Protein backbone atom coordinates (compact mmCIF):
# COMPACT_ATOMS: atom_id res chain seq x y z
CA UNK A 1 177.66 113.58 81.96
CA UNK A 2 175.43 116.67 82.83
CA UNK A 3 171.93 115.62 82.85
CA UNK A 4 168.75 117.23 83.42
CA UNK A 5 166.14 114.91 85.32
CA UNK A 6 162.65 115.42 85.25
CA UNK A 7 159.39 113.46 86.94
CA UNK A 8 156.09 113.38 85.33
CA UNK A 9 153.11 111.51 86.61
CA UNK A 10 152.05 108.30 84.79
CA UNK A 11 148.64 109.74 83.92
CA UNK A 12 149.94 112.31 82.39
CA UNK A 13 151.65 110.61 79.54
CA UNK A 14 148.78 108.89 78.22
CA UNK A 15 150.52 104.99 78.10
CA UNK A 16 148.92 103.38 81.46
CA UNK A 17 146.07 101.81 81.50
CA UNK A 18 143.11 103.23 84.03
CA UNK A 19 143.77 100.45 86.41
CA UNK A 20 147.22 101.28 86.76
CA UNK A 21 146.28 104.77 87.18
CA UNK A 22 143.89 104.65 89.91
CA UNK A 23 146.10 102.44 91.26
CA UNK A 24 148.45 104.85 91.87
CA UNK A 25 145.90 107.31 93.16
CA UNK A 26 143.96 105.14 95.42
CA UNK A 27 140.81 105.30 93.93
CA UNK A 28 138.04 103.70 96.11
CA UNK A 29 137.14 101.43 93.26
CA UNK A 30 140.46 99.42 93.58
CA UNK A 31 141.24 99.41 97.58
CA UNK A 32 139.75 96.31 98.05
CA UNK A 33 142.17 94.30 95.84
CA UNK A 34 145.11 95.05 97.77
CA UNK A 35 146.57 94.73 101.30
CA UNK A 36 149.44 97.48 101.13
CA UNK A 37 149.31 101.26 99.58
CA UNK A 38 152.02 101.95 96.76
CA UNK A 39 154.35 104.05 99.17
CA UNK A 40 156.50 104.60 102.14
CA UNK A 41 153.81 103.80 104.29
CA UNK A 42 152.69 100.87 102.85
CA UNK A 43 156.08 99.32 102.86
CA UNK A 44 156.25 100.31 106.40
CA UNK A 45 153.33 98.16 107.26
CA UNK A 46 154.71 95.41 104.83
CA UNK A 47 157.59 95.17 106.92
CA UNK A 48 155.53 94.61 109.75
CA UNK A 49 153.07 91.67 108.31
CA UNK A 50 156.03 89.45 106.44
CA UNK A 51 157.71 88.72 109.59
CA UNK A 52 154.27 86.25 110.62
CA UNK A 53 155.15 84.47 107.39
CA UNK A 54 158.09 82.75 107.59
CA UNK A 55 160.08 81.11 104.90
CA UNK A 56 162.54 77.93 104.69
CA UNK A 57 165.47 80.36 104.61
CA UNK A 58 168.23 77.42 104.54
CA UNK A 59 167.02 75.94 101.85
CA UNK A 60 166.63 79.57 100.19
CA UNK A 61 170.53 80.23 101.28
CA UNK A 62 171.45 76.60 100.27
CA UNK A 63 169.75 77.05 96.58
CA UNK A 64 171.01 80.23 95.83
CA UNK A 65 174.91 79.23 97.18
CA UNK A 66 174.31 76.36 94.86
CA UNK A 67 172.98 78.21 91.55
CA UNK A 68 175.86 80.54 91.91
CA UNK A 69 178.30 77.90 91.84
CA UNK A 70 181.64 79.34 90.70
CA UNK A 71 179.74 82.15 89.21
CA UNK A 72 182.03 85.08 90.32
CA UNK A 73 180.14 87.31 92.16
CA UNK A 74 180.44 90.62 94.31
CA UNK A 75 181.12 91.12 98.01
CA UNK A 76 178.27 92.62 98.72
CA UNK A 77 175.89 89.97 96.59
CA UNK A 78 177.67 87.38 98.77
CA UNK A 79 176.99 89.05 102.00
CA UNK A 80 173.35 89.71 100.82
CA UNK A 81 172.83 85.42 100.25
CA UNK A 82 174.07 84.65 103.04
CA UNK A 83 172.05 87.73 105.40
CA UNK A 84 169.07 85.66 103.99
CA UNK A 85 169.37 83.40 107.16
CA UNK A 86 168.58 85.78 109.58
CA UNK A 87 164.70 86.81 109.98
CA UNK A 88 165.42 90.25 109.99
CA UNK A 89 166.59 90.15 106.59
CA UNK A 90 163.68 90.74 103.81
CA UNK A 91 164.13 90.99 100.05
CA UNK A 92 162.83 93.73 97.32
CA UNK A 93 161.99 91.48 93.95
CA UNK A 94 161.13 92.20 90.82
CA UNK A 95 160.97 89.20 88.23
CA UNK A 96 161.20 89.06 84.37
CA UNK A 97 161.89 86.03 81.80
CA UNK A 98 165.48 85.21 80.76
CA UNK A 99 164.91 87.52 77.07
CA UNK A 100 167.93 87.48 75.09
CA UNK A 101 170.69 90.09 76.06
CA UNK A 102 167.86 91.24 78.72
CA UNK A 103 165.30 92.31 75.44
CA UNK A 104 163.87 95.62 76.16
CA UNK A 105 165.00 98.45 78.50
CA UNK A 106 162.17 97.99 80.94
CA UNK A 107 164.07 95.01 82.53
CA UNK A 108 167.16 96.35 83.20
CA UNK A 109 164.78 99.25 84.69
CA UNK A 110 163.03 96.39 86.86
CA UNK A 111 166.17 95.48 88.39
CA UNK A 112 167.81 99.27 89.24
CA UNK A 113 164.53 99.94 90.32
CA UNK A 114 164.48 96.79 92.97
CA UNK A 115 168.32 97.53 93.76
CA UNK A 116 167.36 101.50 94.75
CA UNK A 117 164.35 100.47 96.85
CA UNK A 118 166.37 98.27 98.80
CA UNK A 119 169.23 100.69 99.42
CA UNK A 120 166.85 103.75 100.53
CA UNK A 121 165.48 101.08 102.83
CA UNK A 122 168.73 99.83 104.36
CA UNK A 123 168.93 103.73 105.21
CA UNK A 124 165.44 103.83 106.82
CA UNK A 125 165.60 100.74 108.81
CA UNK A 126 169.16 100.10 109.91
CA UNK A 127 167.95 97.27 112.02
CA UNK A 128 167.06 95.44 109.26
CA UNK A 129 168.20 94.26 105.82
CA UNK A 130 166.77 94.78 102.70
CA UNK A 131 168.16 92.32 99.53
CA UNK A 132 167.50 93.38 95.81
CA UNK A 133 166.02 90.21 93.76
CA UNK A 134 165.83 89.11 90.23
CA UNK A 135 163.43 86.06 90.05
CA UNK A 136 164.30 84.78 86.61
CA UNK A 137 161.12 83.35 84.99
CA UNK A 138 163.29 80.55 82.95
CA UNK A 139 160.16 78.28 82.96
CA UNK A 140 158.54 80.66 79.86
CA UNK A 141 158.12 78.67 76.72
CA UNK A 142 157.36 82.00 74.83
CA UNK A 143 160.53 81.84 72.48
CA UNK A 144 159.24 84.08 69.59
CA UNK A 145 159.12 86.24 72.32
CA UNK A 146 162.15 85.67 74.23
CA UNK A 147 164.26 84.99 71.47
CA UNK A 148 164.24 88.75 69.94
CA UNK A 149 165.63 92.40 70.74
CA UNK A 150 166.01 95.04 68.38
CA UNK A 151 169.35 97.23 68.45
CA UNK A 152 169.60 100.62 66.71
CA UNK A 153 166.23 100.15 64.67
CA UNK A 154 167.04 96.48 63.66
CA UNK A 155 165.16 93.52 64.87
CA UNK A 156 167.21 90.15 65.73
CA UNK A 157 165.27 86.96 65.87
CA UNK A 158 167.03 83.52 67.65
CA UNK A 159 165.01 80.81 66.47
CA UNK A 160 166.22 78.12 69.61
CA UNK A 161 167.49 76.21 66.31
CA UNK A 162 164.57 73.69 66.85
CA UNK A 163 164.31 73.45 70.69
CA UNK A 164 161.33 73.66 72.49
CA UNK A 165 160.10 73.64 75.96
CA UNK A 166 161.76 76.17 78.43
CA UNK A 167 163.37 78.89 77.34
CA UNK A 168 165.86 78.88 79.93
CA UNK A 169 166.65 75.17 80.06
CA UNK A 170 167.43 75.66 75.54
CA UNK A 171 171.37 75.77 75.00
CA UNK A 172 172.31 79.21 73.57
CA UNK A 173 175.23 77.53 70.89
CA UNK A 174 173.48 78.26 67.89
CA UNK A 175 173.77 81.51 68.84
CA UNK A 176 177.28 82.40 67.84
CA UNK A 177 176.05 83.62 64.10
CA UNK A 178 173.52 86.06 65.61
CA UNK A 179 176.02 87.36 68.06
CA UNK A 180 178.59 87.90 65.16
CA UNK A 181 176.48 90.08 62.86
CA UNK A 182 175.21 92.46 65.72
CA UNK A 183 179.20 92.59 66.98
CA UNK A 184 179.73 94.05 62.99
CA UNK A 185 177.29 96.44 63.82
CA UNK A 186 178.64 97.92 67.24
CA UNK A 187 180.70 100.82 65.60
CA UNK A 188 184.46 101.34 66.31
CA UNK A 189 186.62 99.41 68.66
CA UNK A 190 186.44 101.03 72.28
CA UNK A 191 186.80 100.16 76.02
CA UNK A 192 182.90 100.03 75.98
CA UNK A 193 182.47 98.19 73.14
CA UNK A 194 185.24 95.46 73.45
CA UNK A 195 183.76 95.03 77.13
CA UNK A 196 180.18 94.72 75.83
CA UNK A 197 181.18 92.53 72.91
CA UNK A 198 183.44 90.04 75.36
CA UNK A 199 180.44 90.08 77.85
CA UNK A 200 178.14 88.66 75.58
CA UNK A 201 180.38 86.26 73.90
CA UNK A 202 180.95 84.57 77.52
CA UNK A 203 177.32 84.68 78.67
CA UNK A 204 175.92 82.89 75.66
CA UNK A 205 178.74 80.77 74.27
CA UNK A 206 180.30 79.62 77.23
CA UNK A 207 176.96 78.67 79.22
CA UNK A 208 175.45 75.40 78.76
CA UNK A 209 171.94 76.93 78.49
CA UNK A 210 170.08 80.36 78.32
CA UNK A 211 169.07 80.47 82.21
CA UNK A 212 172.98 80.28 83.05
CA UNK A 213 173.85 82.69 80.34
CA UNK A 214 171.21 84.88 81.69
CA UNK A 215 172.52 84.82 85.21
CA UNK A 216 175.98 85.18 84.11
CA UNK A 217 174.95 88.37 81.79
CA UNK A 218 172.70 89.76 84.64
CA UNK A 219 175.40 89.29 88.04
CA UNK A 220 177.85 90.95 85.73
CA UNK A 221 176.01 94.25 85.38
CA UNK A 222 174.23 94.84 88.46
CA UNK A 223 176.69 92.16 90.97
CA UNK A 224 178.15 94.79 91.75
CA UNK A 225 175.20 96.93 93.59
CA UNK A 226 174.57 93.57 95.51
CA UNK A 227 171.83 91.97 93.55
CA UNK A 228 170.73 88.24 93.84
CA UNK A 229 169.54 86.74 91.03
CA UNK A 230 167.51 83.57 92.02
CA UNK A 231 166.23 80.83 89.20
CA UNK A 232 162.97 79.28 90.47
CA UNK A 233 163.38 76.24 88.55
CA UNK A 234 164.49 74.51 91.09
CA UNK A 235 163.84 70.99 92.83
CA UNK A 236 164.52 72.32 95.97
CA UNK A 237 162.65 75.28 96.11
CA UNK A 238 159.67 73.23 94.73
CA UNK A 239 159.30 71.07 97.22
CA UNK A 240 158.14 74.04 98.99
CA UNK A 241 155.36 74.94 97.15
CA UNK A 242 154.42 70.65 96.86
CA UNK A 243 151.21 71.45 99.11
CA UNK A 244 149.75 74.02 96.83
CA UNK A 245 150.44 72.24 93.63
CA UNK A 246 148.71 68.86 95.16
CA UNK A 247 145.48 71.15 96.07
CA UNK A 248 145.44 72.39 92.03
CA UNK A 249 146.05 68.87 90.78
CA UNK A 250 143.02 67.03 92.51
CA UNK A 251 140.67 70.26 93.81
CA UNK A 252 141.16 72.99 91.27
CA UNK A 253 140.74 75.52 94.15
CA UNK A 254 142.52 78.69 92.17
CA UNK A 255 140.14 79.08 89.18
CA UNK A 256 136.62 79.92 90.99
CA UNK A 257 138.45 81.99 93.68
CA UNK A 258 140.41 83.98 91.35
CA UNK A 259 137.16 83.93 88.94
CA UNK A 260 134.92 85.31 91.74
CA UNK A 261 137.95 87.78 92.43
CA UNK A 262 138.11 89.04 88.35
CA UNK A 263 134.55 89.34 88.64
CA UNK A 264 134.21 92.20 91.08
CA UNK A 265 137.76 93.83 89.73
CA UNK A 266 135.84 93.87 85.85
CA UNK A 267 132.80 95.59 87.12
CA UNK A 268 135.53 98.90 86.51
CA UNK A 269 139.01 97.66 85.03
CA UNK A 270 139.51 95.35 81.57
CA UNK A 271 140.91 92.01 82.92
CA UNK A 272 144.50 91.53 82.39
CA UNK A 273 144.49 87.32 82.52
CA UNK A 274 141.89 84.55 83.15
CA UNK A 275 142.88 81.32 85.60
CA UNK A 276 142.32 77.96 83.37
CA UNK A 277 140.93 74.86 85.44
CA UNK A 278 144.57 73.73 86.06
CA UNK A 279 147.10 76.07 85.96
CA UNK A 280 149.94 74.06 85.86
CA UNK A 281 152.38 73.29 83.19
CA UNK A 282 154.20 69.84 83.04
CA UNK A 283 157.81 70.72 82.33
CA UNK A 284 160.49 67.85 81.75
CA UNK A 285 163.05 67.91 78.93
CA UNK A 286 162.30 70.15 75.97
CA UNK A 287 158.44 69.64 77.28
CA UNK A 288 156.48 72.60 78.43
CA UNK A 289 153.06 72.07 78.18
CA UNK A 290 149.76 72.61 80.13
CA UNK A 291 147.98 69.88 82.37
CA UNK A 292 144.64 68.94 82.05
CA UNK A 293 141.91 66.74 84.04
CA UNK A 294 139.99 64.28 81.75
CA UNK A 295 137.88 61.67 83.64
CA UNK A 296 140.10 60.21 85.94
CA UNK A 297 143.42 61.09 84.55
CA UNK A 298 145.60 63.47 84.48
CA UNK A 299 147.16 64.20 81.08
CA UNK A 300 149.93 66.92 79.36
CA UNK A 301 148.96 68.21 76.20
CA UNK A 302 150.38 67.83 73.20
CA UNK A 303 152.08 64.70 74.29
CA UNK A 304 150.95 61.04 75.45
CA UNK A 305 151.94 61.82 78.77
CA UNK A 306 149.19 60.77 81.42
CA UNK A 307 149.36 59.78 85.20
CA UNK A 308 146.24 57.90 87.26
CA UNK A 309 145.54 60.19 90.58
CA UNK A 310 148.41 58.12 92.50
CA UNK A 311 151.12 58.51 89.57
CA UNK A 312 150.88 61.92 88.85
CA UNK A 313 151.33 62.55 93.32
CA UNK A 314 153.96 60.11 92.99
CA UNK A 315 155.78 62.22 90.06
CA UNK A 316 154.74 65.25 91.79
CA UNK A 317 156.75 64.45 95.29
CA UNK A 318 159.38 62.69 93.50
CA UNK A 319 160.67 65.46 90.81
CA UNK A 320 158.70 68.95 92.06
CA UNK A 321 160.93 70.66 89.70
CA UNK A 322 158.32 68.75 86.64
CA UNK A 323 155.17 71.19 87.94
CA UNK A 324 155.61 74.90 86.62
CA UNK A 325 153.25 77.15 87.76
CA UNK A 326 151.11 79.40 85.43
CA UNK A 327 150.48 83.31 85.78
CA UNK A 328 147.94 82.86 88.09
CA UNK A 329 150.19 80.80 90.33
CA UNK A 330 153.61 81.96 89.43
CA UNK A 331 153.60 85.00 92.54
CA UNK A 332 152.53 82.24 95.07
CA UNK A 333 155.34 80.55 94.87
CA UNK A 334 157.50 83.69 94.54
CA UNK A 335 155.84 84.85 97.92
CA UNK A 336 156.29 81.14 99.22
CA UNK A 337 159.88 80.76 99.06
CA UNK A 338 160.71 84.39 99.85
CA UNK A 339 161.14 86.59 102.40
CA UNK A 340 159.40 89.07 100.39
CA UNK A 341 158.00 92.59 101.18
CA UNK A 342 157.78 94.24 97.98
CA UNK A 343 157.13 93.06 94.08
CA UNK A 344 158.30 95.90 91.37
CA UNK A 345 156.47 94.87 87.96
CA UNK A 346 155.37 96.55 85.07
CA UNK A 347 151.63 97.71 83.96
CA UNK A 348 150.63 94.57 82.73
CA UNK A 349 152.47 92.45 85.92
CA UNK A 350 150.44 95.04 88.30
CA UNK A 351 146.99 94.11 86.78
CA UNK A 352 147.29 90.50 86.95
CA UNK A 353 149.07 90.52 90.63
CA UNK A 354 145.49 92.53 91.41
CA UNK A 355 143.47 89.72 90.64
CA UNK A 356 145.31 87.41 92.95
CA UNK A 357 144.40 89.04 96.52
CA UNK A 358 141.67 86.26 97.13
CA UNK A 359 144.18 83.48 96.05
CA UNK A 360 146.83 84.70 98.86
CA UNK A 361 144.69 84.53 101.56
CA UNK A 362 142.72 81.19 100.64
CA UNK A 363 146.58 79.61 100.34
CA UNK A 364 147.82 82.16 104.06
CA UNK A 365 150.45 83.13 101.39
CA UNK A 366 152.02 86.74 102.57
CA UNK A 367 150.65 89.32 99.81
CA UNK A 368 153.69 91.90 99.11
CA UNK A 369 153.35 95.85 97.84
CA UNK A 370 153.02 95.69 94.72
CA UNK A 371 154.60 98.78 92.82
CA UNK A 372 154.94 100.15 89.32
CA UNK A 373 158.34 99.74 87.84
CA UNK A 374 160.08 102.64 86.92
CA UNK A 375 159.63 103.79 83.45
CA UNK A 376 162.44 105.95 81.64
CA UNK A 377 163.06 108.46 78.75
CA UNK A 378 166.45 109.07 77.53
CA UNK A 379 167.12 111.51 75.67
CA UNK A 380 170.17 112.15 74.11
CA UNK A 381 172.06 115.29 72.90
CA UNK A 382 170.45 115.26 69.64
CA UNK A 383 167.23 114.98 70.82
CA UNK A 384 167.70 117.19 73.45
CA UNK A 385 168.50 120.04 70.52
CA UNK A 386 165.69 119.08 68.59
CA UNK A 387 163.14 119.70 71.71
CA UNK A 388 164.78 122.78 72.29
CA UNK A 389 164.60 123.71 68.59
CA UNK A 390 161.06 122.89 68.57
CA UNK A 391 160.05 124.57 71.62
CA UNK A 392 158.56 121.80 73.50
CA UNK A 393 158.72 121.30 77.28
CA UNK A 394 159.12 118.05 78.74
CA UNK A 395 155.46 117.06 79.53
CA UNK A 396 154.47 118.58 75.91
CA UNK A 397 156.57 115.22 74.69
CA UNK A 398 154.37 112.70 75.13
CA UNK A 399 151.84 114.68 73.60
CA UNK A 400 149.89 113.22 70.22
CA UNK A 401 152.66 114.48 66.85
CA UNK A 402 149.71 115.80 65.48
CA UNK A 403 148.90 117.92 68.29
CA UNK A 404 151.82 119.28 68.83
CA UNK A 405 152.06 120.56 64.97
CA UNK A 406 148.79 122.60 65.66
CA UNK A 407 150.13 123.96 68.95
CA UNK A 408 153.37 124.87 67.10
CA UNK A 409 151.42 126.16 63.99
CA UNK A 410 148.57 128.55 66.36
CA UNK A 411 152.23 129.84 68.31
CA UNK A 412 153.84 130.81 65.41
CA UNK A 413 151.49 131.46 62.18
CA UNK A 414 151.34 135.01 60.99
CA UNK A 415 148.03 134.73 60.04
CA UNK A 416 144.66 134.19 61.41
CA UNK A 417 143.60 130.33 60.07
CA UNK A 418 141.26 129.13 62.60
CA UNK A 419 137.19 129.42 62.44
CA UNK A 420 136.38 129.43 66.33
CA UNK A 421 135.27 132.81 65.99
CA UNK A 422 133.58 132.67 62.25
CA UNK A 423 131.62 129.46 63.24
CA UNK A 424 130.07 131.29 66.53
CA UNK A 425 129.09 134.30 64.18
CA UNK A 426 127.67 132.10 61.88
CA UNK A 427 125.31 129.84 64.75
CA UNK A 428 124.01 133.35 65.61
CA UNK A 429 122.76 134.15 62.48
CA UNK A 430 121.80 130.48 62.18
CA UNK A 431 119.90 130.44 65.28
CA UNK A 432 118.02 133.89 64.30
CA UNK A 433 117.09 132.66 60.59
CA UNK A 434 116.11 129.26 62.71
CA UNK A 435 113.43 131.55 65.16
CA UNK A 436 111.86 132.81 62.05
CA UNK A 437 111.75 129.63 60.08
CA UNK A 438 109.91 128.41 63.14
CA UNK A 439 107.90 131.19 63.44
CA UNK A 440 106.15 131.07 60.12
CA UNK A 441 106.15 127.07 60.18
CA UNK A 442 107.74 124.90 62.98
CA UNK A 443 108.82 121.90 60.66
CA UNK A 444 111.23 123.99 59.28
CA UNK A 445 113.64 123.46 62.88
CA UNK A 446 115.04 120.76 61.36
CA UNK A 447 115.53 122.37 58.10
CA UNK A 448 117.75 124.92 59.72
CA UNK A 449 120.03 122.22 62.30
CA UNK A 450 120.39 120.43 59.09
CA UNK A 451 121.70 123.65 57.39
CA UNK A 452 123.59 124.23 60.39
CA UNK A 453 125.10 120.80 60.27
CA UNK A 454 126.04 121.31 57.06
CA UNK A 455 127.77 124.81 57.54
CA UNK A 456 130.00 123.32 60.69
CA UNK A 457 131.43 120.65 58.66
CA UNK A 458 132.09 123.28 55.27
CA UNK A 459 133.99 125.86 57.77
CA UNK A 460 135.86 122.52 59.77
CA UNK A 461 136.61 121.79 55.86
CA UNK A 462 138.32 124.42 55.30
CA UNK A 463 139.86 125.73 58.44
CA UNK A 464 141.96 121.89 57.83
CA UNK A 465 142.79 123.38 54.66
CA UNK A 466 144.01 126.64 55.67
CA UNK A 467 146.34 124.28 58.40
CA UNK A 468 147.60 122.85 55.99
CA UNK A 469 148.43 125.68 53.95
CA UNK A 470 150.58 127.27 57.17
CA UNK A 471 152.22 123.77 57.79
CA UNK A 472 153.66 124.06 54.46
CA UNK A 473 155.10 127.65 55.51
CA UNK A 474 156.46 126.15 58.64
CA UNK A 475 157.68 122.31 57.00
CA UNK A 476 161.10 122.27 58.02
CA UNK A 477 160.06 123.26 61.72
CA UNK A 478 157.54 120.51 61.87
CA UNK A 479 159.59 117.94 60.13
CA UNK A 480 162.05 118.60 63.11
CA UNK A 481 158.84 117.61 65.57
CA UNK A 482 158.53 114.72 63.31
CA UNK A 483 161.88 113.62 64.02
CA UNK A 484 162.14 114.23 67.43
CA UNK A 485 158.61 112.07 67.89
CA UNK A 486 160.37 109.34 66.12
CA UNK A 487 163.41 109.35 68.00
CA UNK A 488 162.13 108.46 71.01
CA UNK A 489 158.42 107.12 70.43
CA UNK A 490 159.13 104.85 67.69
CA UNK A 491 156.11 102.73 66.04
CA UNK A 492 154.35 105.49 68.65
CA UNK A 493 155.60 103.03 71.52
CA UNK A 494 157.53 103.81 74.70
CA UNK A 495 160.98 104.17 74.02
CA UNK A 496 161.78 101.48 77.19
CA UNK A 497 159.33 98.75 75.28
CA UNK A 498 161.46 99.14 71.65
CA UNK A 499 165.39 99.49 72.73
CA UNK A 500 167.88 96.96 74.05
CA UNK A 501 170.59 98.49 76.49
CA UNK A 502 173.26 97.52 74.05
CA UNK A 503 173.29 100.64 72.36
CA UNK A 504 173.25 102.65 75.99
CA UNK A 505 176.32 100.47 76.88
CA UNK A 506 178.31 101.49 73.83
CA UNK A 507 177.74 104.85 74.55
CA UNK A 508 177.97 105.64 78.37
CA UNK A 509 179.55 102.33 80.03
CA UNK A 510 178.26 101.00 83.15
CA UNK A 511 177.74 104.75 83.57
CA UNK A 512 174.47 104.46 82.24
CA UNK A 513 173.16 102.13 85.12
CA UNK A 514 174.73 104.53 87.57
CA UNK A 515 173.07 107.67 85.84
CA UNK A 516 169.46 105.57 85.90
CA UNK A 517 169.54 104.05 89.44
CA UNK A 518 170.75 107.47 91.34
CA UNK A 519 167.77 109.00 89.34
CA UNK A 520 165.03 106.49 90.09
CA UNK A 521 162.48 107.57 93.60
CA UNK A 522 161.42 104.06 94.36
CA UNK A 523 158.03 105.05 96.52
CA UNK A 524 156.97 108.26 94.08
CA UNK A 525 155.25 106.88 91.02
CA UNK A 526 156.11 109.03 88.26
CA UNK A 527 157.83 108.69 84.89
CA UNK A 528 161.67 109.70 84.97
CA UNK A 529 162.70 111.37 81.96
CA UNK A 530 166.30 112.29 81.85
CA UNK A 531 168.06 114.80 79.53
């Protein structure tokens, strides 16, 4: 593929919050809320500091080996798993729930970002080793979000066939009708079509759980790069987190620590998430419900399950896998079990990680470099042609459609439709009249101002009518701009937040991933456009 790669600062796109753009620009307002800058210098510092925070590497490798079981794995992945036994090996982690068919494109971009950063660090630090890890949020129970994806404008929804609880534990057997409907839209048979259909069929109809299906799918797509997939829903891994869970159950330390932290952060920024009194779910079978303390009992909401203090501590020590951290504690668990130096997340994830630094310090857990995941806009041949015909630059494409239309009309209009000069001339006349009127009677100043305001409004209305008249003359050209914007920003959302990888795989095969990975600059923090 002949591609052109352009990088645009995130701030210039208009799609990212002030917190995120301030973080990337290292604003003084946000510096107190993180440890390492999101750049090469921050990563270098984090690597040095991380060595002082050991993890149980033997348990980690044993767990990964057990989770992979008979799953085919690339030589790179196997080497990466075994390398985690070494104190000189570190991870580059990204996390996401097991969305059906990976959900949105940004699922793919997160993983490719982690892979690319690990590759670059392995070159920069030849005496150390870096492993890209996809940390699967298999315990999430939001089926409404995880059971939906879009393909070529159509929405596909799976209701779980009545299952509840953690989505990663659900059976995917009932997905067969949905997949059959999807496959009918794949188009003419071909190598990419056959590969993708076989891959999705095997993933979802030959595995017992959504978690296992997702692990298989992600491993098949990215295992050749050495990606390691970790499912934290595991008793051996959660045993390492027992001290924090016990403290949360008995003393609820997280809530006041995080609350104080976000009060300071909230002085300048919108808060992403708020802590609960107890930031844990109880996870058992098809139950994943919040734990609350009521008097001297710990109760599981929306169930009849309750524990005494002795009972819940016994349950924790015998079955640590039944305690699931919410968003406030998830990152703490991640950094407890992984020798991680950098976490890659979307804008919302960056926002809530910046709420948690004080909690990490309280529990003496390593707080990693927080990197904004790579955002990508893919402009195919048809859209690229529309862009050129509409005379739009790459930075232009992020502008609102009305602004683009106005700019086009201004550039190509054969007549003067703007009233700026006339407005200025009329204002001079009204100011002169106002001086005369107030000389006669100072109370006439308000009447003069009201007349000027009314005239400005009338001129603005006239200008809008003149603009509409010009637009009618350029209807074909402006419709082209409209088609271009809709093709890339459906519903005014970023492409990566709407589309699924399947269409790109059908068009380009696995080379789609190679193209994106090669173009990613993992420590540059700019929006990537591929045309």
